[in-house]
């Protein structure tokens, strides 16, 4: 029985980065499904979960909840409990989340200008 030969290694050039590039790191933060839309819907004021879920047509409540948890862990949004019984929460942008709006506005303009 023949053993598999390890793949040959090639030297890494001095200008090759083994870590993800800056664009990729940024996309990992704001590029997930529904994240851009969530950020955009929170741009003006805090929004209650149910209202946000309704604004995101096509996203399930479970998906919205998962994205919000990710975004809270990443420091993009802040979750505030406004009522314990029944539970009611609002979400708002942090300064970090607000800083992503510039990029999202440019993306929106680019898509509109090209009819995407």
Protein backbone atom coordinates (compact mmCIF):
# COMPACT_ATOMS: atom_id res chain seq x y z
CA UNK A 1 0.00 0.00 0.00
CA UNK A 2 1.48 3.31 -1.08
CA UNK A 3 1.63 6.15 1.39
CA UNK A 4 0.47 9.59 0.32
CA UNK A 5 3.32 11.96 -0.23
CA UNK A 6 3.03 15.30 1.57
CA UNK A 7 2.27 18.19 -0.71
CA UNK A 8 5.42 20.01 -1.74
CA UNK A 9 5.91 23.23 0.13
CA UNK A 10 6.78 26.43 -1.61
CA UNK A 11 8.60 29.31 -0.07
CA UNK A 12 6.50 32.27 0.97
CA UNK A 13 7.53 35.49 -0.75
CA UNK A 14 8.44 38.45 1.42
CA UNK A 15 5.36 40.39 0.25
CA UNK A 16 2.87 37.59 0.97
CA UNK A 17 0.90 37.95 4.17
CA UNK A 18 -0.27 34.76 5.84
CA UNK A 19 -2.96 36.62 7.76
CA UNK A 20 -6.19 37.85 6.14
CA UNK A 21 -5.80 41.26 4.52
CA UNK A 22 -7.41 44.36 5.97
CA UNK A 23 -10.37 44.19 3.59
CA UNK A 24 -11.07 40.58 4.51
CA UNK A 25 -10.88 41.37 8.24
CA UNK A 26 -13.34 44.23 7.75
CA UNK A 27 -15.71 42.06 5.72
CA UNK A 28 -15.66 39.43 8.46
CA UNK A 29 -17.05 42.07 10.82
CA UNK A 30 -19.74 43.75 8.67
CA UNK A 31 -20.10 41.35 5.75
CA UNK A 32 -22.16 38.59 7.32
CA UNK A 33 -25.68 37.92 6.11
CA UNK A 34 -28.07 40.62 7.35
CA UNK A 35 -25.39 42.51 9.29
CA UNK A 36 -25.28 45.47 6.91
CA UNK A 37 -29.06 45.76 6.93
CA UNK A 38 -29.18 45.56 10.71
CA UNK A 39 -26.56 48.29 11.03
CA UNK A 40 -28.44 50.46 8.56
CA UNK A 41 -31.77 50.05 10.38
CA UNK A 42 -30.14 51.07 13.66
CA UNK A 43 -28.51 54.21 12.23
CA UNK A 44 -31.03 56.73 13.56
CA UNK A 45 -32.12 55.46 16.96
CA UNK A 46 -32.42 52.41 19.18
CA UNK A 47 -34.88 49.86 17.81
CA UNK A 48 -36.80 47.17 19.65
CA UNK A 49 -36.11 43.61 18.58
CA UNK A 50 -39.60 42.94 17.19
CA UNK A 51 -39.60 46.13 15.13
CA UNK A 52 -36.14 45.34 13.76
CA UNK A 53 -37.17 41.78 12.85
CA UNK A 54 -40.19 43.17 10.94
CA UNK A 55 -38.00 45.64 9.04
CA UNK A 56 -35.75 42.83 7.81
CA UNK A 57 -38.15 41.12 5.42
CA UNK A 58 -36.85 37.68 4.57
CA UNK A 59 -34.84 37.18 7.75
CA UNK A 60 -36.22 34.82 10.35
CA UNK A 61 -36.42 35.97 13.96
CA UNK A 62 -33.86 33.27 14.79
CA UNK A 63 -31.45 34.65 12.17
CA UNK A 64 -31.91 38.22 13.42
CA UNK A 65 -31.29 37.08 16.99
CA UNK A 66 -28.12 35.19 15.98
CA UNK A 67 -26.73 38.15 14.02
CA UNK A 68 -27.48 40.56 16.86
CA UNK A 69 -25.65 38.30 19.32
CA UNK A 70 -22.64 38.16 16.99
CA UNK A 71 -22.73 41.92 16.49
CA UNK A 72 -22.99 42.54 20.23
CA UNK A 73 -19.98 40.28 20.83
CA UNK A 74 -18.06 42.17 18.13
CA UNK A 75 -18.88 45.51 19.75
CA UNK A 76 -21.06 46.79 16.87
CA UNK A 77 -24.35 47.01 18.79
CA UNK A 78 -25.45 47.49 22.36
CA UNK A 79 -28.38 45.50 23.78
CA UNK A 80 -30.51 47.17 26.45
CA UNK A 81 -33.24 45.44 28.43
CA UNK A 82 -36.13 47.90 28.77
CA UNK A 83 -38.66 45.56 30.38
CA UNK A 84 -38.27 42.29 32.27
CA UNK A 85 -41.87 41.06 32.10
CA UNK A 86 -42.55 40.63 29.32
CA UNK A 87 -38.95 40.84 28.17
CA UNK A 88 -38.36 43.74 25.81
CA UNK A 89 -34.99 44.83 24.48
CA UNK A 90 -33.67 47.53 22.21
CA UNK A 91 -30.55 47.53 20.11
CA UNK A 92 -28.46 50.55 19.22
CA UNK A 93 -25.19 51.19 17.47
CA UNK A 94 -22.00 51.63 19.41
CA UNK A 95 -19.44 54.14 18.16
CA UNK A 96 -17.65 51.23 16.49
CA UNK A 97 -20.88 50.18 14.76
CA UNK A 98 -21.63 53.78 13.76
CA UNK A 99 -18.20 54.04 12.14
CA UNK A 100 -19.18 51.25 9.71
CA UNK A 101 -22.06 53.35 8.35
CA UNK A 102 -19.67 55.33 6.14
CA UNK A 103 -18.69 52.15 4.32
CA UNK A 104 -22.29 50.97 4.08
CA UNK A 105 -23.44 54.31 2.64
CA UNK A 106 -20.72 54.08 -0.01
CA UNK A 107 -21.76 50.52 -0.82
CA UNK A 108 -25.41 51.58 -1.06
CA UNK A 109 -24.52 54.47 -3.39
CA UNK A 110 -22.34 52.20 -5.53
CA UNK A 111 -25.14 49.61 -5.87
CA UNK A 112 -27.76 52.25 -6.68
CA UNK A 113 -25.56 53.96 -9.30
CA UNK A 114 -25.05 50.62 -11.05
CA UNK A 115 -28.62 49.38 -10.73
CA UNK A 116 -27.59 46.43 -8.61
